[in-house]
Amino acid sequence: MGRVSKFYEMHPDSVDLSVVDVWQRIEGAFPTSGVPGVEGGERWKNAHWYLNDDWWIQSSEDEQLGFVEGYLWCMKTEVPAPAEGYSGTAASYRRRIEAFAKAHPKQGKEAVAMTLRRYRDRTK
């Protein structure tokens, strides 16, 4: 069982907490093994992992919306100012990314985060 699932199981009164909030509460509560990685495991040289427009097109609307919500949350709470601004709703950005990915299939290797960045608030 994963650490987040275990937290929810052990704290049923916290069912309304987001996964991110739970993760912040349990960070450090479970010691790591100190092992840098699993032999034969995947290693990614790019910061965006495999989350590109090809991944986007194959994902469900819920997965897409979850990605956008998580990205917006990170930009708002974890990135030091001045961070990019996004004043629209997660659903509106999901629709924009979807339209872009369908209209530009040859750019399938572009990271979804870079596609989303096209729609950030512009500063003067």
PDB file of N, CA and C in Angstrom:
ATOM      1  N   MET A   1       0.852  -1.178   0.000  1.00  0.00           N
ATOM      2  CA  MET A   1       0.000   0.000   0.000  1.00  0.00           C
ATOM      3  C   MET A   1       0.893   1.236   0.000  1.00  0.00           C
ATOM      4  N   GLY A   2       0.526   2.230  -0.778  1.00  0.00           N
ATOM      5  CA  GLY A   2       1.287   3.462  -0.848  1.00  0.00           C
ATOM      6  C   GLY A   2       1.141   4.303   0.398  1.00  0.00           C
ATOM      7  N   ARG A   3       2.060   5.237   0.564  1.00  0.00           N
ATOM      8  CA  ARG A   3       2.062   6.077   1.764  1.00  0.00           C
ATOM      9  C   ARG A   3       0.821   6.960   1.857  1.00  0.00           C
ATOM     10  N   VAL A   4       0.385   7.509   0.733  1.00  0.00           N
ATOM     11  CA  VAL A   4      -0.804   8.373   0.749  1.00  0.00           C
ATOM     12  C   VAL A   4      -2.036   7.553   1.110  1.00  0.00           C
ATOM     13  N   SER A   5      -2.178   6.393   0.490  1.00  0.00           N
ATOM     14  CA  SER A   5      -3.323   5.520   0.806  1.00  0.00           C
ATOM     15  C   SER A   5      -3.313   5.121   2.273  1.00  0.00           C
ATOM     16  N   LYS A   6      -2.123   4.810   2.778  1.00  0.00           N
ATOM     17  CA  LYS A   6      -2.001   4.415   4.181  1.00  0.00           C
ATOM     18  C   LYS A   6      -2.416   5.570   5.099  1.00  0.00           C
ATOM     19  N   PHE A   7      -2.027   6.802   4.738  1.00  0.00           N
ATOM     20  CA  PHE A   7      -2.409   7.960   5.536  1.00  0.00           C
ATOM     21  C   PHE A   7      -3.935   8.073   5.599  1.00  0.00           C
ATOM     22  N   TYR A   8      -4.587   7.993   4.437  1.00  0.00           N
ATOM     23  CA  TYR A   8      -6.055   8.101   4.417  1.00  0.00           C
ATOM     24  C   TYR A   8      -6.698   6.985   5.236  1.00  0.00           C
ATOM     25  N   GLU A   9      -6.124   5.787   5.170  1.00  0.00           N
ATOM     26  CA  GLU A   9      -6.670   4.664   5.934  1.00  0.00           C
ATOM     27  C   GLU A   9      -6.522   4.899   7.433  1.00  0.00           C
ATOM     28  N   MET A  10      -5.387   5.466   7.829  1.00  0.00           N
ATOM     29  CA  MET A  10      -5.123   5.693   9.247  1.00  0.00           C
ATOM     30  C   MET A  10      -5.784   6.965   9.775  1.00  0.00           C
ATOM     31  N   HIS A  11      -6.224   7.868   8.884  1.00  0.00           N
ATOM     32  CA  HIS A  11      -6.839   9.140   9.270  1.00  0.00           C
ATOM     33  C   HIS A  11      -8.141   9.351   8.488  1.00  0.00           C
ATOM     34  N   PRO A  12      -9.160   8.553   8.761  1.00  0.00           N
ATOM     35  CA  PRO A  12     -10.407   8.663   7.990  1.00  0.00           C
ATOM     36  C   PRO A  12     -11.074  10.032   8.096  1.00  0.00           C
ATOM     37  N   ASP A  13     -10.764  10.784   9.145  1.00  0.00           N
ATOM     38  CA  ASP A  13     -11.332  12.127   9.295  1.00  0.00           C
ATOM     39  C   ASP A  13     -10.686  13.126   8.327  1.00  0.00           C
ATOM     40  N   SER A  14      -9.612  12.722   7.669  1.00  0.00           N
ATOM     41  CA  SER A  14      -8.892  13.601   6.733  1.00  0.00           C
ATOM     42  C   SER A  14      -9.247  13.325   5.281  1.00  0.00           C
ATOM     43  N   VAL A  15     -10.348  12.679   5.051  1.00  0.00           N
ATOM     44  CA  VAL A  15     -10.730  12.284   3.689  1.00  0.00           C
ATOM     45  C   VAL A  15     -10.886  13.482   2.743  1.00  0.00           C
ATOM     46  N   ASP A  16     -11.161  14.660   3.275  1.00  0.00           N
ATOM     47  CA  ASP A  16     -11.331  15.852   2.441  1.00  0.00           C
ATOM     48  C   ASP A  16     -10.015  16.526   2.075  1.00  0.00           C
ATOM     49  N   LEU A  17      -8.907  16.084   2.639  1.00  0.00           N
ATOM     50  CA  LEU A  17      -7.612  16.670   2.299  1.00  0.00           C
ATOM     51  C   LEU A  17      -7.193  16.252   0.898  1.00  0.00           C
ATOM     52  N   SER A  18      -6.585  17.174   0.175  1.00  0.00           N
ATOM     53  CA  SER A  18      -6.083  16.830  -1.156  1.00  0.00           C
ATOM     54  C   SER A  18      -4.857  15.937  -1.013  1.00  0.00           C
ATOM     55  N   VAL A  19      -4.535  15.234  -2.069  1.00  0.00           N
ATOM     56  CA  VAL A  19      -3.367  14.367  -2.061  1.00  0.00           C
ATOM     57  C   VAL A  19      -2.104  15.187  -1.793  1.00  0.00           C
ATOM     58  N   VAL A  20      -2.037  16.371  -2.352  1.00  0.00           N
ATOM     59  CA  VAL A  20      -0.871  17.233  -2.140  1.00  0.00           C
ATOM     60  C   VAL A  20      -0.744  17.595  -0.661  1.00  0.00           C
ATOM     61  N   ASP A  21      -1.863  17.940  -0.006  1.00  0.00           N
ATOM     62  CA  ASP A  21      -1.822  18.264   1.421  1.00  0.00           C
ATOM     63  C   ASP A  21      -1.392  17.054   2.250  1.00  0.00           C
ATOM     64  N   VAL A  22      -1.897  15.884   1.881  1.00  0.00           N
ATOM     65  CA  VAL A  22      -1.517  14.666   2.599  1.00  0.00           C
ATOM     66  C   VAL A  22      -0.024  14.414   2.418  1.00  0.00           C
ATOM     67  N   TRP A  23       0.450  14.565   1.195  1.00  0.00           N
ATOM     68  CA  TRP A  23       1.869  14.322   0.928  1.00  0.00           C
ATOM     69  C   TRP A  23       2.743  15.254   1.767  1.00  0.00           C
ATOM     70  N   GLN A  24       2.327  16.508   1.890  1.00  0.00           N
ATOM     71  CA  GLN A  24       3.095  17.444   2.706  1.00  0.00           C
ATOM     72  C   GLN A  24       3.106  17.003   4.164  1.00  0.00           C
ATOM     73  N   ARG A  25       2.014  16.431   4.630  1.00  0.00           N
ATOM     74  CA  ARG A  25       1.946  15.996   6.035  1.00  0.00           C
ATOM     75  C   ARG A  25       2.803  14.764   6.292  1.00  0.00           C
ATOM     76  N   ILE A  26       2.900  13.878   5.315  1.00  0.00           N
ATOM     77  CA  ILE A  26       3.640  12.641   5.551  1.00  0.00           C
ATOM     78  C   ILE A  26       5.087  12.708   5.106  1.00  0.00           C
ATOM     79  N   GLU A  27       5.448  13.764   4.401  1.00  0.00           N
ATOM     80  CA  GLU A  27       6.841  13.879   3.959  1.00  0.00           C
ATOM     81  C   GLU A  27       7.752  13.801   5.169  1.00  0.00           C
ATOM     82  N   GLY A  28       8.702  12.936   5.108  1.00  0.00           N
ATOM     83  CA  GLY A  28       9.615  12.762   6.228  1.00  0.00           C
ATOM     84  C   GLY A  28       9.118  11.757   7.255  1.00  0.00           C
ATOM     85  N   ALA A  29       7.828  11.425   7.212  1.00  0.00           N
ATOM     86  CA  ALA A  29       7.279  10.471   8.175  1.00  0.00           C
ATOM     87  C   ALA A  29       7.723   9.046   7.859  1.00  0.00           C
ATOM     88  N   PHE A  30       8.081   8.790   6.604  1.00  0.00           N
ATOM     89  CA  PHE A  30       8.515   7.469   6.189  1.00  0.00           C
ATOM     90  C   PHE A  30       9.947   7.578   5.684  1.00  0.00           C
ATOM     91  N   PRO A  31      10.884   7.010   6.369  1.00  0.00           N
ATOM     92  CA  PRO A  31      12.277   7.114   5.917  1.00  0.00           C
ATOM     93  C   PRO A  31      12.478   6.392   4.595  1.00  0.00           C
ATOM     94  N   THR A  32      13.353   6.947   3.777  1.00  0.00           N
ATOM     95  CA  THR A  32      13.671   6.293   2.515  1.00  0.00           C
ATOM     96  C   THR A  32      14.813   5.332   2.747  1.00  0.00           C
ATOM     97  N   SER A  33      15.020   4.457   1.816  1.00  0.00           N
ATOM     98  CA  SER A  33      16.072   3.457   1.953  1.00  0.00           C
ATOM     99  C   SER A  33      17.454   4.031   1.700  1.00  0.00           C
ATOM    100  N   GLY A  34      17.512   5.212   1.102  1.00  0.00           N
ATOM    101  CA  GLY A  34      18.800   5.797   0.766  1.00  0.00           C
ATOM    102  C   GLY A  34      19.339   5.292  -0.557  1.00  0.00           C
ATOM    103  N   VAL A  35      18.631   4.379  -1.170  1.00  0.00           N
ATOM    104  CA  VAL A  35      19.039   3.833  -2.463  1.00  0.00           C
ATOM    105  C   VAL A  35      18.666   4.841  -3.545  1.00  0.00           C
ATOM    106  N   PRO A  36      19.626   5.275  -4.381  1.00  0.00           N
ATOM    107  CA  PRO A  36      19.342   6.310  -5.368  1.00  0.00           C
ATOM    108  C   PRO A  36      18.368   5.896  -6.463  1.00  0.00           C
ATOM    109  N   GLY A  37      18.229   4.655  -6.748  1.00  0.00           N
ATOM    110  CA  GLY A  37      17.306   4.219  -7.787  1.00  0.00           C
ATOM    111  C   GLY A  37      17.335   2.710  -7.909  1.00  0.00           C
ATOM    112  N   VAL A  38      16.340   2.178  -8.578  1.00  0.00           N
ATOM    113  CA  VAL A  38      16.263   0.744  -8.773  1.00  0.00           C
ATOM    114  C   VAL A  38      17.043   0.387 -10.030  1.00  0.00           C
ATOM    115  N   GLU A  39      17.885  -0.613  -9.935  1.00  0.00           N
ATOM    116  CA  GLU A  39      18.657  -1.057 -11.088  1.00  0.00           C
ATOM    117  C   GLU A  39      17.706  -1.440 -12.221  1.00  0.00           C
ATOM    118  N   GLY A  40      17.963  -0.910 -13.395  1.00  0.00           N
ATOM    119  CA  GLY A  40      17.117  -1.207 -14.549  1.00  0.00           C
ATOM    120  C   GLY A  40      15.894  -0.309 -14.645  1.00  0.00           C
ATOM    121  N   GLY A  41      15.713   0.587 -13.672  1.00  0.00           N
ATOM    122  CA  GLY A  41      14.563   1.488 -13.708  1.00  0.00           C
ATOM    123  C   GLY A  41      14.718   2.539 -14.790  1.00  0.00           C
ATOM    124  N   GLU A  42      13.637   3.203 -15.095  1.00  0.00           N
ATOM    125  CA  GLU A  42      13.663   4.237 -16.120  1.00  0.00           C
ATOM    126  C   GLU A  42      14.344   5.494 -15.597  1.00  0.00           C
ATOM    127  N   ARG A  43      15.082   6.131 -16.457  1.00  0.00           N
ATOM    128  CA  ARG A  43      15.717   7.405 -16.137  1.00  0.00           C
ATOM    129  C   ARG A  43      15.328   8.386 -17.231  1.00  0.00           C
ATOM    130  N   TRP A  44      14.928   9.567 -16.807  1.00  0.00           N
ATOM    131  CA  TRP A  44      14.483  10.595 -17.748  1.00  0.00           C
ATOM    132  C   TRP A  44      15.455  11.753 -17.723  1.00  0.00           C
ATOM    133  N   LYS A  45      15.857  12.195 -18.884  1.00  0.00           N
ATOM    134  CA  LYS A  45      16.796  13.308 -18.980  1.00  0.00           C
ATOM    135  C   LYS A  45      16.069  14.633 -19.102  1.00  0.00           C
ATOM    136  N   ASN A  46      14.769  14.580 -19.256  1.00  0.00           N
ATOM    137  CA  ASN A  46      14.018  15.814 -19.444  1.00  0.00           C
ATOM    138  C   ASN A  46      13.107  16.044 -18.244  1.00  0.00           C
ATOM    139  N   ALA A  47      13.006  17.278 -17.851  1.00  0.00           N
ATOM    140  CA  ALA A  47      12.262  17.650 -16.641  1.00  0.00           C
ATOM    141  C   ALA A  47      10.777  17.307 -16.713  1.00  0.00           C
ATOM    142  N   HIS A  48      10.260  17.155 -17.900  1.00  0.00           N
ATOM    143  CA  HIS A  48       8.823  16.924 -18.048  1.00  0.00           C
ATOM    144  C   HIS A  48       8.476  15.453 -18.246  1.00  0.00           C
ATOM    145  N   TRP A  49       9.477  14.608 -18.062  1.00  0.00           N
ATOM    146  CA  TRP A  49       9.245  13.170 -18.107  1.00  0.00           C
ATOM    147  C   TRP A  49       8.694  12.812 -19.464  1.00  0.00           C
ATOM    148  N   TYR A  50       7.626  12.040 -19.552  1.00  0.00           N
ATOM    149  CA  TYR A  50       7.024  11.684 -20.835  1.00  0.00           C
ATOM    150  C   TYR A  50       5.716  12.442 -21.061  1.00  0.00           C
ATOM    151  N   LEU A  51       5.459  13.461 -20.263  1.00  0.00           N
ATOM    152  CA  LEU A  51       4.182  14.176 -20.303  1.00  0.00           C
ATOM    153  C   LEU A  51       4.175  15.202 -21.438  1.00  0.00           C
ATOM    154  N   ASN A  52       4.115  14.668 -22.657  1.00  0.00           N
ATOM    155  CA  ASN A  52       4.095  15.516 -23.839  1.00  0.00           C
ATOM    156  C   ASN A  52       2.724  15.448 -24.513  1.00  0.00           C
ATOM    157  N   ASP A  53       2.595  16.112 -25.654  1.00  0.00           N
ATOM    158  CA  ASP A  53       1.298  16.148 -26.335  1.00  0.00           C
ATOM    159  C   ASP A  53       0.846  14.764 -26.802  1.00  0.00           C
ATOM    160  N   ASP A  54       1.793  13.863 -27.112  1.00  0.00           N
ATOM    161  CA  ASP A  54       1.407  12.488 -27.453  1.00  0.00           C
ATOM    162  C   ASP A  54       0.716  11.835 -26.252  1.00  0.00           C
ATOM    163  N   TRP A  55       1.283  12.024 -25.059  1.00  0.00           N
ATOM    164  CA  TRP A  55       0.670  11.484 -23.841  1.00  0.00           C
ATOM    165  C   TRP A  55      -0.708  12.107 -23.640  1.00  0.00           C
ATOM    166  N   TRP A  56      -0.785  13.415 -23.868  1.00  0.00           N
ATOM    167  CA  TRP A  56      -2.018  14.162 -23.655  1.00  0.00           C
ATOM    168  C   TRP A  56      -3.167  13.570 -24.467  1.00  0.00           C
ATOM    169  N   ILE A  57      -2.943  13.368 -25.745  1.00  0.00           N
ATOM    170  CA  ILE A  57      -3.993  12.876 -26.649  1.00  0.00           C
ATOM    171  C   ILE A  57      -4.500  11.502 -26.213  1.00  0.00           C
ATOM    172  N   GLN A  58      -3.635  10.696 -25.612  1.00  0.00           N
ATOM    173  CA  GLN A  58      -4.016   9.349 -25.196  1.00  0.00           C
ATOM    174  C   GLN A  58      -4.650   9.309 -23.802  1.00  0.00           C
ATOM    175  N   SER A  59      -4.645  10.428 -23.101  1.00  0.00           N
ATOM    176  CA  SER A  59      -5.152  10.477 -21.727  1.00  0.00           C
ATOM    177  C   SER A  59      -6.635  10.807 -21.690  1.00  0.00           C
ATOM    178  N   SER A  60      -7.275  10.409 -20.599  1.00  0.00           N
ATOM    179  CA  SER A  60      -8.692  10.729 -20.409  1.00  0.00           C
ATOM    180  C   SER A  60      -8.833  12.200 -20.017  1.00  0.00           C
ATOM    181  N   GLU A  61     -10.027  12.724 -20.134  1.00  0.00           N
ATOM    182  CA  GLU A  61     -10.272  14.114 -19.726  1.00  0.00           C
ATOM    183  C   GLU A  61      -9.949  14.312 -18.243  1.00  0.00           C
ATOM    184  N   ASP A  62     -10.278  13.330 -17.412  1.00  0.00           N
ATOM    185  CA  ASP A  62      -9.979  13.437 -15.980  1.00  0.00           C
ATOM    186  C   ASP A  62      -8.475  13.501 -15.726  1.00  0.00           C
ATOM    187  N   GLU A  63      -7.689  12.684 -16.442  1.00  0.00           N
ATOM    188  CA  GLU A  63      -6.237  12.724 -16.287  1.00  0.00           C
ATOM    189  C   GLU A  63      -5.688  14.069 -16.755  1.00  0.00           C
ATOM    190  N   GLN A  64      -6.216  14.554 -17.869  1.00  0.00           N
ATOM    191  CA  GLN A  64      -5.774  15.846 -18.383  1.00  0.00           C
ATOM    192  C   GLN A  64      -6.083  16.964 -17.387  1.00  0.00           C
ATOM    193  N   LEU A  65      -7.305  16.955 -16.878  1.00  0.00           N
ATOM    194  CA  LEU A  65      -7.701  17.986 -15.915  1.00  0.00           C
ATOM    195  C   LEU A  65      -6.848  17.890 -14.647  1.00  0.00           C
ATOM    196  N   GLY A  66      -6.557  16.673 -14.208  1.00  0.00           N
ATOM    197  CA  GLY A  66      -5.697  16.487 -13.039  1.00  0.00           C
ATOM    198  C   GLY A  66      -4.305  17.049 -13.265  1.00  0.00           C
ATOM    199  N   PHE A  67      -3.772  16.847 -14.464  1.00  0.00           N
ATOM    200  CA  PHE A  67      -2.461  17.414 -14.787  1.00  0.00           C
ATOM    201  C   PHE A  67      -2.508  18.932 -14.682  1.00  0.00           C
ATOM    202  N   VAL A  68      -3.504  19.546 -15.315  1.00  0.00           N
ATOM    203  CA  VAL A  68      -3.596  21.012 -15.317  1.00  0.00           C
ATOM    204  C   VAL A  68      -3.800  21.534 -13.901  1.00  0.00           C
ATOM    205  N   GLU A  69      -4.681  20.902 -13.129  1.00  0.00           N
ATOM    206  CA  GLU A  69      -4.905  21.347 -11.754  1.00  0.00           C
ATOM    207  C   GLU A  69      -3.610  21.269 -10.946  1.00  0.00           C
ATOM    208  N   GLY A  70      -2.877  20.176 -11.090  1.00  0.00           N
ATOM    209  CA  GLY A  70      -1.617  20.025 -10.367  1.00  0.00           C
ATOM    210  C   GLY A  70      -0.582  21.051 -10.798  1.00  0.00           C
ATOM    211  N   TYR A  71      -0.500  21.304 -12.089  1.00  0.00           N
ATOM    212  CA  TYR A  71       0.454  22.289 -12.599  1.00  0.00           C
ATOM    213  C   TYR A  71       0.128  23.682 -12.068  1.00  0.00           C
ATOM    214  N   LEU A  72      -1.146  24.044 -12.128  1.00  0.00           N
ATOM    215  CA  LEU A  72      -1.551  25.370 -11.642  1.00  0.00           C
ATOM    216  C   LEU A  72      -1.304  25.499 -10.142  1.00  0.00           C
ATOM    217  N   TRP A  73      -1.576  24.439  -9.398  1.00  0.00           N
ATOM    218  CA  TRP A  73      -1.326  24.456  -7.956  1.00  0.00           C
ATOM    219  C   TRP A  73       0.164  24.681  -7.691  1.00  0.00           C
ATOM    220  N   CYS A  74       1.001  23.954  -8.402  1.00  0.00           N
ATOM    221  CA  CYS A  74       2.450  24.107  -8.217  1.00  0.00           C
ATOM    222  C   CYS A  74       2.907  25.525  -8.535  1.00  0.00           C
ATOM    223  N   MET A  75       2.420  26.073  -9.629  1.00  0.00           N
ATOM    224  CA  MET A  75       2.820  27.425 -10.006  1.00  0.00           C
ATOM    225  C   MET A  75       2.394  28.443  -8.947  1.00  0.00           C
ATOM    226  N   LYS A  76       1.255  28.205  -8.344  1.00  0.00           N
ATOM    227  CA  LYS A  76       0.711  29.144  -7.369  1.00  0.00           C
ATOM    228  C   LYS A  76       1.360  29.013  -5.992  1.00  0.00           C
ATOM    229  N   THR A  77       1.703  27.794  -5.612  1.00  0.00           N
ATOM    230  CA  THR A  77       2.138  27.576  -4.236  1.00  0.00           C
ATOM    231  C   THR A  77       3.599  27.177  -4.074  1.00  0.00           C
ATOM    232  N   GLU A  78       4.220  26.625  -5.083  1.00  0.00           N
ATOM    233  CA  GLU A  78       5.566  26.076  -4.926  1.00  0.00           C
ATOM    234  C   GLU A  78       6.656  26.829  -5.677  1.00  0.00           C
ATOM    235  N   VAL A  79       6.289  27.579  -6.697  1.00  0.00           N
ATOM    236  CA  VAL A  79       7.286  28.293  -7.491  1.00  0.00           C
ATOM    237  C   VAL A  79       7.456  29.686  -6.907  1.00  0.00           C
ATOM    238  N   PRO A  80       8.695  30.070  -6.618  1.00  0.00           N
ATOM    239  CA  PRO A  80       8.911  31.394  -6.036  1.00  0.00           C
ATOM    240  C   PRO A  80       8.507  32.511  -7.001  1.00  0.00           C
ATOM    241  N   ALA A  81       8.049  33.601  -6.433  1.00  0.00           N
ATOM    242  CA  ALA A  81       7.651  34.757  -7.242  1.00  0.00           C
ATOM    243  C   ALA A  81       8.898  35.342  -7.892  1.00  0.00           C
ATOM    244  N   PRO A  82       8.798  35.915  -9.034  1.00  0.00           N
ATOM    245  CA  PRO A  82       7.564  36.013  -9.814  1.00  0.00           C
ATOM    246  C   PRO A  82       7.362  34.756 -10.658  1.00  0.00           C
ATOM    247  N   ALA A  83       6.270  34.090 -10.420  1.00  0.00           N
ATOM    248  CA  ALA A  83       5.922  32.895 -11.184  1.00  0.00           C
ATOM    249  C   ALA A  83       4.965  33.285 -12.301  1.00  0.00           C
ATOM    250  N   GLU A  84       4.832  32.400 -13.269  1.00  0.00           N
ATOM    251  CA  GLU A  84       3.867  32.642 -14.336  1.00  0.00           C
ATOM    252  C   GLU A  84       2.477  32.710 -13.736  1.00  0.00           C
ATOM    253  N   GLY A  85       1.628  33.571 -14.305  1.00  0.00           N
ATOM    254  CA  GLY A  85       0.269  33.693 -13.813  1.00  0.00           C
ATOM    255  C   GLY A  85      -0.727  32.987 -14.727  1.00  0.00           C
ATOM    256  N   TYR A  86      -1.709  32.375 -14.112  1.00  0.00           N
ATOM    257  CA  TYR A  86      -2.776  31.682 -14.841  1.00  0.00           C
ATOM    258  C   TYR A  86      -4.092  32.038 -14.151  1.00  0.00           C
ATOM    259  N   SER A  87      -4.832  32.968 -14.724  1.00  0.00           N
ATOM    260  CA  SER A  87      -6.070  33.417 -14.078  1.00  0.00           C
ATOM    261  C   SER A  87      -7.301  32.663 -14.554  1.00  0.00           C
ATOM    262  N   GLY A  88      -7.169  31.815 -15.562  1.00  0.00           N
ATOM    263  CA  GLY A  88      -8.305  31.036 -16.056  1.00  0.00           C
ATOM    264  C   GLY A  88      -8.550  29.811 -15.191  1.00  0.00           C
ATOM    265  N   THR A  89      -9.587  29.077 -15.539  1.00  0.00           N
ATOM    266  CA  THR A  89      -9.890  27.840 -14.814  1.00  0.00           C
ATOM    267  C   THR A  89      -9.080  26.688 -15.405  1.00  0.00           C
ATOM    268  N   ALA A  90      -8.883  25.663 -14.611  1.00  0.00           N
ATOM    269  CA  ALA A  90      -8.173  24.483 -15.094  1.00  0.00           C
ATOM    270  C   ALA A  90      -8.889  23.895 -16.310  1.00  0.00           C
ATOM    271  N   ALA A  91     -10.212  23.882 -16.271  1.00  0.00           N
ATOM    272  CA  ALA A  91     -10.988  23.335 -17.393  1.00  0.00           C
ATOM    273  C   ALA A  91     -10.756  24.142 -18.673  1.00  0.00           C
ATOM    274  N   SER A  92     -10.646  25.468 -18.552  1.00  0.00           N
ATOM    275  CA  SER A  92     -10.421  26.278 -19.748  1.00  0.00           C
ATOM    276  C   SER A  92      -9.044  26.008 -20.337  1.00  0.00           C
ATOM    277  N   TYR A  93      -8.043  25.809 -19.489  1.00  0.00           N
ATOM    278  CA  TYR A  93      -6.713  25.483 -19.996  1.00  0.00           C
ATOM    279  C   TYR A  93      -6.683  24.081 -20.586  1.00  0.00           C
ATOM    280  N   ARG A  94      -7.408  23.146 -19.988  1.00  0.00           N
ATOM    281  CA  ARG A  94      -7.477  21.786 -20.545  1.00  0.00           C
ATOM    282  C   ARG A  94      -8.017  21.826 -21.963  1.00  0.00           C
ATOM    283  N   ARG A  95      -9.073  22.613 -22.174  1.00  0.00           N
ATOM    284  CA  ARG A  95      -9.656  22.728 -23.519  1.00  0.00           C
ATOM    285  C   ARG A  95      -8.675  23.354 -24.498  1.00  0.00           C
ATOM    286  N   ARG A  96      -7.926  24.346 -24.058  1.00  0.00           N
ATOM    287  CA  ARG A  96      -6.951  25.007 -24.942  1.00  0.00           C
ATOM    288  C   ARG A  96      -5.824  24.049 -25.335  1.00  0.00           C
ATOM    289  N   ILE A  97      -5.327  23.307 -24.363  1.00  0.00           N
ATOM    290  CA  ILE A  97      -4.265  22.341 -24.655  1.00  0.00           C
ATOM    291  C   ILE A  97      -4.783  21.285 -25.616  1.00  0.00           C
ATOM    292  N   GLU A  98      -5.988  20.807 -25.367  1.00  0.00           N
ATOM    293  CA  GLU A  98      -6.607  19.793 -26.236  1.00  0.00           C
ATOM    294  C   GLU A  98      -6.693  20.302 -27.670  1.00  0.00           C
ATOM    295  N   ALA A  99      -7.176  21.517 -27.831  1.00  0.00           N
ATOM    296  CA  ALA A  99      -7.316  22.098 -29.174  1.00  0.00           C
ATOM    297  C   ALA A  99      -5.945  22.246 -29.836  1.00  0.00           C
ATOM    298  N   PHE A 100      -4.958  22.694 -29.081  1.00  0.00           N
ATOM    299  CA  PHE A 100      -3.618  22.864 -29.643  1.00  0.00           C
ATOM    300  C   PHE A 100      -3.035  21.520 -30.074  1.00  0.00           C
ATOM    301  N   ALA A 101      -3.137  20.520 -29.206  1.00  0.00           N
ATOM    302  CA  ALA A 101      -2.565  19.202 -29.502  1.00  0.00           C
ATOM    303  C   ALA A 101      -3.210  18.589 -30.748  1.00  0.00           C
ATOM    304  N   LYS A 102      -4.507  18.763 -30.903  1.00  0.00           N
ATOM    305  CA  LYS A 102      -5.201  18.222 -32.086  1.00  0.00           C
ATOM    306  C   LYS A 102      -4.850  19.003 -33.343  1.00  0.00           C
ATOM    307  N   ALA A 103      -4.670  20.312 -33.216  1.00  0.00           N
ATOM    308  CA  ALA A 103      -4.373  21.155 -34.373  1.00  0.00           C
ATOM    309  C   ALA A 103      -2.909  21.049 -34.816  1.00  0.00           C
ATOM    310  N   HIS A 104      -2.030  20.587 -33.936  1.00  0.00           N
ATOM    311  CA  HIS A 104      -0.594  20.521 -34.236  1.00  0.00           C
ATOM    312  C   HIS A 104      -0.035  19.129 -33.915  1.00  0.00           C
ATOM    313  N   PRO A 105      -0.520  18.092 -34.582  1.00  0.00           N
ATOM    314  CA  PRO A 105      -0.090  16.735 -34.233  1.00  0.00           C
ATOM    315  C   PRO A 105       1.406  16.483 -34.442  1.00  0.00           C
ATOM    316  N   LYS A 106       2.046  17.234 -35.300  1.00  0.00           N
ATOM    317  CA  LYS A 106       3.480  17.027 -35.537  1.00  0.00           C
ATOM    318  C   LYS A 106       4.334  17.549 -34.383  1.00  0.00           C
ATOM    319  N   GLN A 107       3.742  18.295 -33.477  1.00  0.00           N
ATOM    320  CA  GLN A 107       4.472  18.789 -32.308  1.00  0.00           C
ATOM    321  C   GLN A 107       4.246  17.877 -31.114  1.00  0.00           C
ATOM    322  N   GLY A 108       3.957  16.622 -31.360  1.00  0.00           N
ATOM    323  CA  GLY A 108       3.619  15.670 -30.316  1.00  0.00           C
ATOM    324  C   GLY A 108       4.641  15.489 -29.221  1.00  0.00           C
ATOM    325  N   LYS A 109       5.870  15.882 -29.468  1.00  0.00           N
ATOM    326  CA  LYS A 109       6.913  15.722 -28.447  1.00  0.00           C
ATOM    327  C   LYS A 109       7.048  16.951 -27.554  1.00  0.00           C
ATOM    328  N   GLU A 110       6.248  17.985 -27.801  1.00  0.00           N
ATOM    329  CA  GLU A 110       6.299  19.171 -26.944  1.00  0.00           C
ATOM    330  C   GLU A 110       5.706  18.829 -25.575  1.00  0.00           C
ATOM    331  N   ALA A 111       6.386  19.216 -24.526  1.00  0.00           N
ATOM    332  CA  ALA A 111       5.889  18.968 -23.172  1.00  0.00           C
ATOM    333  C   ALA A 111       4.565  19.690 -22.967  1.00  0.00           C
ATOM    334  N   VAL A 112       3.634  19.027 -22.308  1.00  0.00           N
ATOM    335  CA  VAL A 112       2.328  19.640 -22.038  1.00  0.00           C
ATOM    336  C   VAL A 112       2.514  20.934 -21.255  1.00  0.00           C
ATOM    337  N   ALA A 113       3.478  20.963 -20.343  1.00  0.00           N
ATOM    338  CA  ALA A 113       3.732  22.185 -19.572  1.00  0.00           C
ATOM    339  C   ALA A 113       4.117  23.344 -20.498  1.00  0.00           C
ATOM    340  N   MET A 114       4.844  23.053 -21.565  1.00  0.00           N
ATOM    341  CA  MET A 114       5.230  24.106 -22.519  1.00  0.00           C
ATOM    342  C   MET A 114       4.017  24.540 -23.350  1.00  0.00           C
ATOM    343  N   THR A 115       3.157  23.600 -23.674  1.00  0.00           N
ATOM    344  CA  THR A 115       1.925  23.960 -24.389  1.00  0.00           C
ATOM    345  C   THR A 115       1.066  24.842 -23.494  1.00  0.00           C
ATOM    346  N   LEU A 116       0.916  24.463 -22.233  1.00  0.00           N
ATOM    347  CA  LEU A 116       0.134  25.261 -21.290  1.00  0.00           C
ATOM    348  C   LEU A 116       0.733  26.659 -21.135  1.00  0.00           C
ATOM    349  N   ARG A 117       2.033  26.739 -21.129  1.00  0.00           N
ATOM    350  CA  ARG A 117       2.713  28.031 -20.970  1.00  0.00           C
ATOM    351  C   ARG A 117       2.321  29.029 -22.060  1.00  0.00           C
ATOM    352  N   ARG A 118       1.936  28.545 -23.213  1.00  0.00           N
ATOM    353  CA  ARG A 118       1.491  29.416 -24.298  1.00  0.00           C
ATOM    354  C   ARG A 118       0.279  30.259 -23.874  1.00  0.00           C
ATOM    355  N   TYR A 119      -0.462  29.780 -22.879  1.00  0.00           N
ATOM    356  CA  TYR A 119      -1.710  30.414 -22.475  1.00  0.00           C
ATOM    357  C   TYR A 119      -1.609  31.133 -21.132  1.00  0.00           C
ATOM    358  N   ARG A 120      -0.396  31.323 -20.632  1.00  0.00           N
ATOM    359  CA  ARG A 120      -0.211  32.031 -19.359  1.00  0.00           C
ATOM    360  C   ARG A 120      -0.670  33.479 -19.510  1.00  0.00           C
ATOM    361  N   ASP A 121      -0.928  34.114 -18.394  1.00  0.00           N
ATOM    362  CA  ASP A 121      -1.271  35.530 -18.402  1.00  0.00           C
ATOM    363  C   ASP A 121      -0.080  36.332 -18.889  1.00  0.00           C
ATOM    364  N   ARG A 122      -0.340  37.299 -19.694  1.00  0.00           N
ATOM    365  CA  ARG A 122       0.743  38.159 -20.208  1.00  0.00           C
ATOM    366  C   ARG A 122       0.890  39.360 -19.300  1.00  0.00           C
ATOM    367  N   THR A 123       2.126  39.682 -19.000  1.00  0.00           N
ATOM    368  CA  THR A 123       2.375  40.884 -18.192  1.00  0.00           C
ATOM    369  C   THR A 123       2.761  42.016 -19.115  1.00  0.00           C
ATOM    370  N   LYS A 124       2.498  43.214 -18.672  1.00  0.00           N
ATOM    371  CA  LYS A 124       2.767  44.387 -19.512  1.00  0.00           C
ATOM    372  C   LYS A 124       4.202  44.807 -19.407  1.00  0.00           C
TER     373      LYS A 124
END
